[in-house]
ModelCIF file with pLDDT and N, C-alpha, C, O atoms, coordinates in Angstrom:
data_MODEL
#
_entry.id   MODEL 
#
_entity.id                         1 
_entity.type                       polymer 
_entity.pdbx_number_of_molecules   1 
#
_entity_poly.entity_id                      1 
_entity_poly.type                           'polypeptide(L)' 
_entity_poly.nstd_linkage                   no 
_entity_poly.nstd_monomer                   no 
_entity_poly.pdbx_seq_one_letter_code       
;(UNK)(UNK)(UNK)(UNK)(UNK)(UNK)(UNK)(UNK)(UNK)(UNK)(UNK)(UNK)(UNK)(UNK)(UNK)(UNK)
(UNK)(UNK)(UNK)(UNK)(UNK)(UNK)(UNK)(UNK)(UNK)(UNK)(UNK)(UNK)(UNK)(UNK)(UNK)(UNK)
(UNK)(UNK)(UNK)(UNK)
;
_entity_poly.pdbx_seq_one_letter_code_can   XXXXXXXXXXXXXXXXXXXXXXXXXXXXXXXXXXXX 
_entity_poly.pdbx_strand_id                 A 
#
loop_
_entity_poly_seq.entity_id 
_entity_poly_seq.num 
_entity_poly_seq.mon_id 
_entity_poly_seq.hetero 
1 1  UNK n 
1 2  UNK n 
1 3  UNK n 
1 4  UNK n 
1 5  UNK n 
1 6  UNK n 
1 7  UNK n 
1 8  UNK n 
1 9  UNK n 
1 10 UNK n 
1 11 UNK n 
1 12 UNK n 
1 13 UNK n 
1 14 UNK n 
1 15 UNK n 
1 16 UNK n 
1 17 UNK n 
1 18 UNK n 
1 19 UNK n 
1 20 UNK n 
1 21 UNK n 
1 22 UNK n 
1 23 UNK n 
1 24 UNK n 
1 25 UNK n 
1 26 UNK n 
1 27 UNK n 
1 28 UNK n 
1 29 UNK n 
1 30 UNK n 
1 31 UNK n 
1 32 UNK n 
1 33 UNK n 
1 34 UNK n 
1 35 UNK n 
1 36 UNK n 
#
_struct_asym.id          A 
_struct_asym.entity_id   1 
#
loop_
_ma_qa_metric.id 
_ma_qa_metric.mode 
_ma_qa_metric.name 
_ma_qa_metric.software_group_id 
_ma_qa_metric.type 
1 global pLDDT . pLDDT 
2 local  pLDDT . pLDDT 
#
_ma_qa_metric_global.metric_id      1 
_ma_qa_metric_global.metric_value   79.36 
_ma_qa_metric_global.model_id       1 
_ma_qa_metric_global.ordinal_id     1 
#
loop_
_ma_qa_metric_local.label_asym_id 
_ma_qa_metric_local.label_comp_id 
_ma_qa_metric_local.label_seq_id 
_ma_qa_metric_local.metric_id 
_ma_qa_metric_local.metric_value 
_ma_qa_metric_local.model_id 
_ma_qa_metric_local.ordinal_id 
A UNK 1  2 58.00 1 1  
A UNK 2  2 60.00 1 2  
A UNK 3  2 68.00 1 3  
A UNK 4  2 72.00 1 4  
A UNK 5  2 77.00 1 5  
A UNK 6  2 80.00 1 6  
A UNK 7  2 79.00 1 7  
A UNK 8  2 80.00 1 8  
A UNK 9  2 85.00 1 9  
A UNK 10 2 84.00 1 10 
A UNK 11 2 82.00 1 11 
A UNK 12 2 82.00 1 12 
A UNK 13 2 86.00 1 13 
A UNK 14 2 84.00 1 14 
A UNK 15 2 80.00 1 15 
A UNK 16 2 82.00 1 16 
A UNK 17 2 86.00 1 17 
A UNK 18 2 81.00 1 18 
A UNK 19 2 77.00 1 19 
A UNK 20 2 83.00 1 20 
A UNK 21 2 83.00 1 21 
A UNK 22 2 74.00 1 22 
A UNK 23 2 72.00 1 23 
A UNK 24 2 80.00 1 24 
A UNK 25 2 81.00 1 25 
A UNK 26 2 70.00 1 26 
A UNK 27 2 76.00 1 27 
A UNK 28 2 73.00 1 28 
A UNK 29 2 83.00 1 29 
A UNK 30 2 85.00 1 30 
A UNK 31 2 82.00 1 31 
A UNK 32 2 82.00 1 32 
A UNK 33 2 88.00 1 33 
A UNK 34 2 88.00 1 34 
A UNK 35 2 86.00 1 35 
A UNK 36 2 88.00 1 36 
#
loop_
_atom_site.group_PDB 
_atom_site.id 
_atom_site.type_symbol 
_atom_site.label_atom_id 
_atom_site.label_alt_id 
_atom_site.label_comp_id 
_atom_site.label_asym_id 
_atom_site.label_entity_id 
_atom_site.label_seq_id 
_atom_site.pdbx_PDB_ins_code 
_atom_site.Cartn_x 
_atom_site.Cartn_y 
_atom_site.Cartn_z 
_atom_site.occupancy 
_atom_site.B_iso_or_equiv 
_atom_site.pdbx_formal_charge 
_atom_site.auth_seq_id 
_atom_site.auth_comp_id 
_atom_site.auth_asym_id 
_atom_site.auth_atom_id 
_atom_site.pdbx_PDB_model_num 
ATOM 1   N N  . UNK A 1 1  ? -30.542 0.688  21.350 1.00 58.00 ? 1  UNK A N  1 
ATOM 2   C CA . UNK A 1 1  ? -29.260 0.835  21.770 1.00 58.00 ? 1  UNK A CA 1 
ATOM 3   C C  . UNK A 1 1  ? -28.491 -0.320 21.601 1.00 58.00 ? 1  UNK A C  1 
ATOM 4   O O  . UNK A 1 1  ? -28.893 -1.418 21.986 1.00 58.00 ? 1  UNK A O  1 
ATOM 5   N N  . UNK A 1 2  ? -27.194 -0.111 20.940 1.00 60.00 ? 2  UNK A N  1 
ATOM 6   C CA . UNK A 1 2  ? -26.359 -1.358 20.773 1.00 60.00 ? 2  UNK A CA 1 
ATOM 7   C C  . UNK A 1 2  ? -25.015 -1.086 21.254 1.00 60.00 ? 2  UNK A C  1 
ATOM 8   O O  . UNK A 1 2  ? -24.564 0.043  21.444 1.00 60.00 ? 2  UNK A O  1 
ATOM 9   N N  . UNK A 1 3  ? -24.354 -2.265 21.454 1.00 68.00 ? 3  UNK A N  1 
ATOM 10  C CA . UNK A 1 3  ? -22.873 -2.211 21.901 1.00 68.00 ? 3  UNK A CA 1 
ATOM 11  C C  . UNK A 1 3  ? -22.038 -2.704 20.652 1.00 68.00 ? 3  UNK A C  1 
ATOM 12  O O  . UNK A 1 3  ? -22.552 -2.897 19.550 1.00 68.00 ? 3  UNK A O  1 
ATOM 13  N N  . UNK A 1 4  ? -20.787 -2.877 20.917 1.00 72.00 ? 4  UNK A N  1 
ATOM 14  C CA . UNK A 1 4  ? -19.927 -3.242 19.646 1.00 72.00 ? 4  UNK A CA 1 
ATOM 15  C C  . UNK A 1 4  ? -20.173 -4.674 19.538 1.00 72.00 ? 4  UNK A C  1 
ATOM 16  O O  . UNK A 1 4  ? -19.671 -5.503 20.296 1.00 72.00 ? 4  UNK A O  1 
ATOM 17  N N  . UNK A 1 5  ? -21.080 -4.979 18.428 1.00 77.00 ? 5  UNK A N  1 
ATOM 18  C CA . UNK A 1 5  ? -21.356 -6.332 18.093 1.00 77.00 ? 5  UNK A CA 1 
ATOM 19  C C  . UNK A 1 5  ? -20.651 -6.592 16.736 1.00 77.00 ? 5  UNK A C  1 
ATOM 20  O O  . UNK A 1 5  ? -19.824 -5.802 16.279 1.00 77.00 ? 5  UNK A O  1 
ATOM 21  N N  . UNK A 1 6  ? -20.999 -7.680 16.149 1.00 80.00 ? 6  UNK A N  1 
ATOM 22  C CA . UNK A 1 6  ? -20.324 -8.082 14.933 1.00 80.00 ? 6  UNK A CA 1 
ATOM 23  C C  . UNK A 1 6  ? -20.656 -7.045 13.843 1.00 80.00 ? 6  UNK A C  1 
ATOM 24  O O  . UNK A 1 6  ? -19.771 -6.659 13.079 1.00 80.00 ? 6  UNK A O  1 
ATOM 25  N N  . UNK A 1 7  ? -21.891 -6.599 13.763 1.00 79.00 ? 7  UNK A N  1 
ATOM 26  C CA . UNK A 1 7  ? -22.209 -5.591 12.707 1.00 79.00 ? 7  UNK A CA 1 
ATOM 27  C C  . UNK A 1 7  ? -21.428 -4.277 12.872 1.00 79.00 ? 7  UNK A C  1 
ATOM 28  O O  . UNK A 1 7  ? -21.089 -3.640 11.875 1.00 79.00 ? 7  UNK A O  1 
ATOM 29  N N  . UNK A 1 8  ? -21.154 -3.885 14.047 1.00 80.00 ? 8  UNK A N  1 
ATOM 30  C CA . UNK A 1 8  ? -20.378 -2.694 14.291 1.00 80.00 ? 8  UNK A CA 1 
ATOM 31  C C  . UNK A 1 8  ? -18.988 -2.839 13.999 1.00 80.00 ? 8  UNK A C  1 
ATOM 32  O O  . UNK A 1 8  ? -18.335 -1.901 13.540 1.00 80.00 ? 8  UNK A O  1 
ATOM 33  N N  . UNK A 1 9  ? -18.418 -4.145 14.280 1.00 85.00 ? 9  UNK A N  1 
ATOM 34  C CA . UNK A 1 9  ? -16.962 -4.338 13.864 1.00 85.00 ? 9  UNK A CA 1 
ATOM 35  C C  . UNK A 1 9  ? -16.920 -4.489 12.314 1.00 85.00 ? 9  UNK A C  1 
ATOM 36  O O  . UNK A 1 9  ? -15.906 -4.091 11.742 1.00 85.00 ? 9  UNK A O  1 
ATOM 37  N N  . UNK A 1 10 ? -17.938 -5.031 11.587 1.00 84.00 ? 10 UNK A N  1 
ATOM 38  C CA . UNK A 1 10 ? -17.832 -4.981 10.114 1.00 84.00 ? 10 UNK A CA 1 
ATOM 39  C C  . UNK A 1 10 ? -17.920 -3.524 9.570  1.00 84.00 ? 10 UNK A C  1 
ATOM 40  O O  . UNK A 1 10 ? -17.276 -3.181 8.579  1.00 84.00 ? 10 UNK A O  1 
ATOM 41  N N  . UNK A 1 11 ? -18.747 -2.675 10.258 1.00 82.00 ? 11 UNK A N  1 
ATOM 42  C CA . UNK A 1 11 ? -18.882 -1.353 9.775  1.00 82.00 ? 11 UNK A CA 1 
ATOM 43  C C  . UNK A 1 11 ? -17.499 -0.612 10.050 1.00 82.00 ? 11 UNK A C  1 
ATOM 44  O O  . UNK A 1 11 ? -17.070 0.201  9.232  1.00 82.00 ? 11 UNK A O  1 
ATOM 45  N N  . UNK A 1 12 ? -16.838 -0.902 11.183 1.00 82.00 ? 12 UNK A N  1 
ATOM 46  C CA . UNK A 1 12 ? -15.613 -0.267 11.548 1.00 82.00 ? 12 UNK A CA 1 
ATOM 47  C C  . UNK A 1 12 ? -14.557 -0.648 10.634 1.00 82.00 ? 12 UNK A C  1 
ATOM 48  O O  . UNK A 1 12 ? -13.686 0.165  10.327 1.00 82.00 ? 12 UNK A O  1 
ATOM 49  N N  . UNK A 1 13 ? -14.576 -1.935 10.137 1.00 86.00 ? 13 UNK A N  1 
ATOM 50  C CA . UNK A 1 13 ? -13.615 -2.456 9.152  1.00 86.00 ? 13 UNK A CA 1 
ATOM 51  C C  . UNK A 1 13 ? -13.749 -1.617 7.807  1.00 86.00 ? 13 UNK A C  1 
ATOM 52  O O  . UNK A 1 13 ? -12.772 -1.184 7.197  1.00 86.00 ? 13 UNK A O  1 
ATOM 53  N N  . UNK A 1 14 ? -15.028 -1.443 7.427  1.00 84.00 ? 14 UNK A N  1 
ATOM 54  C CA . UNK A 1 14 ? -15.288 -0.619 6.181  1.00 84.00 ? 14 UNK A CA 1 
ATOM 55  C C  . UNK A 1 14 ? -14.780 0.776  6.272  1.00 84.00 ? 14 UNK A C  1 
ATOM 56  O O  . UNK A 1 14 ? -14.170 1.280  5.329  1.00 84.00 ? 14 UNK A O  1 
ATOM 57  N N  . UNK A 1 15 ? -15.036 1.473  7.484  1.00 80.00 ? 15 UNK A N  1 
ATOM 58  C CA . UNK A 1 15 ? -14.607 2.787  7.736  1.00 80.00 ? 15 UNK A CA 1 
ATOM 59  C C  . UNK A 1 15 ? -13.011 2.976  7.641  1.00 80.00 ? 15 UNK A C  1 
ATOM 60  O O  . UNK A 1 15 ? -12.453 3.880  7.018  1.00 80.00 ? 15 UNK A O  1 
ATOM 61  N N  . UNK A 1 16 ? -12.396 1.974  8.362  1.00 82.00 ? 16 UNK A N  1 
ATOM 62  C CA . UNK A 1 16 ? -10.860 2.078  8.369  1.00 82.00 ? 16 UNK A CA 1 
ATOM 63  C C  . UNK A 1 16 ? -10.330 1.666  6.976  1.00 82.00 ? 16 UNK A C  1 
ATOM 64  O O  . UNK A 1 16 ? -9.275  2.153  6.572  1.00 82.00 ? 16 UNK A O  1 
ATOM 65  N N  . UNK A 1 17 ? -11.039 0.773  6.223  1.00 86.00 ? 17 UNK A N  1 
ATOM 66  C CA . UNK A 1 17 ? -10.534 0.531  4.882  1.00 86.00 ? 17 UNK A CA 1 
ATOM 67  C C  . UNK A 1 17 ? -10.741 1.840  3.946  1.00 86.00 ? 17 UNK A C  1 
ATOM 68  O O  . UNK A 1 17 ? -9.905  2.155  3.098  1.00 86.00 ? 17 UNK A O  1 
ATOM 69  N N  . UNK A 1 18 ? -11.797 2.491  4.151  1.00 81.00 ? 18 UNK A N  1 
ATOM 70  C CA . UNK A 1 18 ? -12.014 3.749  3.386  1.00 81.00 ? 18 UNK A CA 1 
ATOM 71  C C  . UNK A 1 18 ? -10.942 4.717  3.660  1.00 81.00 ? 18 UNK A C  1 
ATOM 72  O O  . UNK A 1 18 ? -10.416 5.311  2.719  1.00 81.00 ? 18 UNK A O  1 
ATOM 73  N N  . UNK A 1 19 ? -10.553 4.936  4.954  1.00 77.00 ? 19 UNK A N  1 
ATOM 74  C CA . UNK A 1 19 ? -9.547  5.824  5.425  1.00 77.00 ? 19 UNK A CA 1 
ATOM 75  C C  . UNK A 1 19 ? -8.239  5.393  4.862  1.00 77.00 ? 19 UNK A C  1 
ATOM 76  O O  . UNK A 1 19 ? -7.576  6.244  4.269  1.00 77.00 ? 19 UNK A O  1 
ATOM 77  N N  . UNK A 1 20 ? -7.788  4.194  4.970  1.00 83.00 ? 20 UNK A N  1 
ATOM 78  C CA . UNK A 1 20 ? -6.539  3.753  4.562  1.00 83.00 ? 20 UNK A CA 1 
ATOM 79  C C  . UNK A 1 20 ? -6.320  3.719  3.031  1.00 83.00 ? 20 UNK A C  1 
ATOM 80  O O  . UNK A 1 20 ? -5.210  3.907  2.532  1.00 83.00 ? 20 UNK A O  1 
ATOM 81  N N  . UNK A 1 21 ? -7.435  3.469  2.315  1.00 83.00 ? 21 UNK A N  1 
ATOM 82  C CA . UNK A 1 21 ? -7.411  3.414  0.890  1.00 83.00 ? 21 UNK A CA 1 
ATOM 83  C C  . UNK A 1 21 ? -7.325  4.777  0.323  1.00 83.00 ? 21 UNK A C  1 
ATOM 84  O O  . UNK A 1 21 ? -6.756  4.974  -0.750 1.00 83.00 ? 21 UNK A O  1 
ATOM 85  N N  . UNK A 1 22 ? -7.892  5.753  1.035  1.00 74.00 ? 22 UNK A N  1 
ATOM 86  C CA . UNK A 1 22 ? -7.938  7.127  0.527  1.00 74.00 ? 22 UNK A CA 1 
ATOM 87  C C  . UNK A 1 22 ? -6.492  7.679  0.643  1.00 74.00 ? 22 UNK A C  1 
ATOM 88  O O  . UNK A 1 22 ? -5.982  8.360  -0.246 1.00 74.00 ? 22 UNK A O  1 
ATOM 89  N N  . UNK A 1 23 ? -5.821  7.316  1.882  1.00 72.00 ? 23 UNK A N  1 
ATOM 90  C CA . UNK A 1 23 ? -4.435  7.881  2.006  1.00 72.00 ? 23 UNK A CA 1 
ATOM 91  C C  . UNK A 1 23 ? -3.426  7.223  1.055  1.00 72.00 ? 23 UNK A C  1 
ATOM 92  O O  . UNK A 1 23 ? -2.454  7.852  0.638  1.00 72.00 ? 23 UNK A O  1 
ATOM 93  N N  . UNK A 1 24 ? -3.693  5.838  0.688  1.00 80.00 ? 24 UNK A N  1 
ATOM 94  C CA . UNK A 1 24 ? -2.840  5.089  -0.117 1.00 80.00 ? 24 UNK A CA 1 
ATOM 95  C C  . UNK A 1 24 ? -2.921  5.611  -1.673 1.00 80.00 ? 24 UNK A C  1 
ATOM 96  O O  . UNK A 1 24 ? -1.921  5.904  -2.329 1.00 80.00 ? 24 UNK A O  1 
ATOM 97  N N  . UNK A 1 25 ? -4.225  5.678  -2.143 1.00 81.00 ? 25 UNK A N  1 
ATOM 98  C CA . UNK A 1 25 ? -4.416  5.996  -3.401 1.00 81.00 ? 25 UNK A CA 1 
ATOM 99  C C  . UNK A 1 25 ? -4.575  7.540  -3.641 1.00 81.00 ? 25 UNK A C  1 
ATOM 100 O O  . UNK A 1 25 ? -4.671  7.979  -4.787 1.00 81.00 ? 25 UNK A O  1 
ATOM 101 N N  . UNK A 1 26 ? -4.601  8.386  -2.491 1.00 70.00 ? 26 UNK A N  1 
ATOM 102 C CA . UNK A 1 26 ? -4.726  9.735  -2.612 1.00 70.00 ? 26 UNK A CA 1 
ATOM 103 C C  . UNK A 1 26 ? -6.060  10.108 -3.323 1.00 70.00 ? 26 UNK A C  1 
ATOM 104 O O  . UNK A 1 26 ? -6.102  11.107 -4.042 1.00 70.00 ? 26 UNK A O  1 
ATOM 105 N N  . UNK A 1 27 ? -7.064  9.379  -3.147 1.00 76.00 ? 27 UNK A N  1 
ATOM 106 C CA . UNK A 1 27 ? -8.320  9.643  -3.838 1.00 76.00 ? 27 UNK A CA 1 
ATOM 107 C C  . UNK A 1 27 ? -9.621  9.301  -2.872 1.00 76.00 ? 27 UNK A C  1 
ATOM 108 O O  . UNK A 1 27 ? -9.772  8.174  -2.400 1.00 76.00 ? 27 UNK A O  1 
ATOM 109 N N  . UNK A 1 28 ? -10.426 10.247 -2.658 1.00 73.00 ? 28 UNK A N  1 
ATOM 110 C CA . UNK A 1 28 ? -11.649 10.152 -1.851 1.00 73.00 ? 28 UNK A CA 1 
ATOM 111 C C  . UNK A 1 28 ? -12.541 9.078  -2.514 1.00 73.00 ? 28 UNK A C  1 
ATOM 112 O O  . UNK A 1 28 ? -13.008 8.194  -1.796 1.00 73.00 ? 28 UNK A O  1 
ATOM 113 N N  . UNK A 1 29 ? -12.813 9.098  -3.872 1.00 83.00 ? 29 UNK A N  1 
ATOM 114 C CA . UNK A 1 29 ? -13.725 8.106  -4.420 1.00 83.00 ? 29 UNK A CA 1 
ATOM 115 C C  . UNK A 1 29 ? -13.259 6.791  -4.212 1.00 83.00 ? 29 UNK A C  1 
ATOM 116 O O  . UNK A 1 29 ? -14.064 5.959  -3.793 1.00 83.00 ? 29 UNK A O  1 
ATOM 117 N N  . UNK A 1 30 ? -11.979 6.439  -4.457 1.00 85.00 ? 30 UNK A N  1 
ATOM 118 C CA . UNK A 1 30 ? -11.584 5.057  -4.401 1.00 85.00 ? 30 UNK A CA 1 
ATOM 119 C C  . UNK A 1 30 ? -11.582 4.634  -2.862 1.00 85.00 ? 30 UNK A C  1 
ATOM 120 O O  . UNK A 1 30 ? -11.877 3.476  -2.565 1.00 85.00 ? 30 UNK A O  1 
ATOM 121 N N  . UNK A 1 31 ? -11.257 5.552  -1.903 1.00 82.00 ? 31 UNK A N  1 
ATOM 122 C CA . UNK A 1 31 ? -11.375 5.195  -0.563 1.00 82.00 ? 31 UNK A CA 1 
ATOM 123 C C  . UNK A 1 31 ? -12.724 4.867  -0.173 1.00 82.00 ? 31 UNK A C  1 
ATOM 124 O O  . UNK A 1 31 ? -12.922 3.907  0.572  1.00 82.00 ? 31 UNK A O  1 
ATOM 125 N N  . UNK A 1 32 ? -13.777 5.660  -0.661 1.00 82.00 ? 32 UNK A N  1 
ATOM 126 C CA . UNK A 1 32 ? -15.106 5.317  -0.307 1.00 82.00 ? 32 UNK A CA 1 
ATOM 127 C C  . UNK A 1 32 ? -15.554 4.044  -1.054 1.00 82.00 ? 32 UNK A C  1 
ATOM 128 O O  . UNK A 1 32 ? -16.251 3.224  -0.457 1.00 82.00 ? 32 UNK A O  1 
ATOM 129 N N  . UNK A 1 33 ? -15.221 3.865  -2.203 1.00 88.00 ? 33 UNK A N  1 
ATOM 130 C CA . UNK A 1 33 ? -15.628 2.605  -2.890 1.00 88.00 ? 33 UNK A CA 1 
ATOM 131 C C  . UNK A 1 33 ? -14.982 1.344  -2.231 1.00 88.00 ? 33 UNK A C  1 
ATOM 132 O O  . UNK A 1 33 ? -15.629 0.302  -2.130 1.00 88.00 ? 33 UNK A O  1 
ATOM 133 N N  . UNK A 1 34 ? -13.653 1.457  -1.770 1.00 88.00 ? 34 UNK A N  1 
ATOM 134 C CA . UNK A 1 34 ? -13.179 0.299  -1.022 1.00 88.00 ? 34 UNK A CA 1 
ATOM 135 C C  . UNK A 1 34 ? -13.857 -0.052 0.339  1.00 88.00 ? 34 UNK A C  1 
ATOM 136 O O  . UNK A 1 34 ? -13.963 -1.200 0.770  1.00 88.00 ? 34 UNK A O  1 
ATOM 137 N N  . UNK A 1 35 ? -14.319 1.119  0.989  1.00 86.00 ? 35 UNK A N  1 
ATOM 138 C CA . UNK A 1 35 ? -14.976 0.965  2.187  1.00 86.00 ? 35 UNK A CA 1 
ATOM 139 C C  . UNK A 1 35 ? -16.333 0.279  1.967  1.00 86.00 ? 35 UNK A C  1 
ATOM 140 O O  . UNK A 1 35 ? -16.686 -0.646 2.699  1.00 86.00 ? 35 UNK A O  1 
ATOM 141 N N  . UNK A 1 36 ? -17.079 0.724  0.976  1.00 88.00 ? 36 UNK A N  1 
ATOM 142 C CA . UNK A 1 36 ? -18.257 0.077  0.709  1.00 88.00 ? 36 UNK A CA 1 
ATOM 143 C C  . UNK A 1 36 ? -18.146 -1.392 0.244  1.00 88.00 ? 36 UNK A C  1 
ATOM 144 O O  . UNK A 1 36 ? -19.163 -2.036 -0.015 1.00 88.00 ? 36 UNK A O  1 
#
């Protein structure tokens, strides 16, 4: 069981980036690639 550590914050940054990139480019693949 984990709490919000550095790895979680990095993953959250990836998830948020994927979301924002998807909205900006209007493309799910681009959003997912940016998140990864």
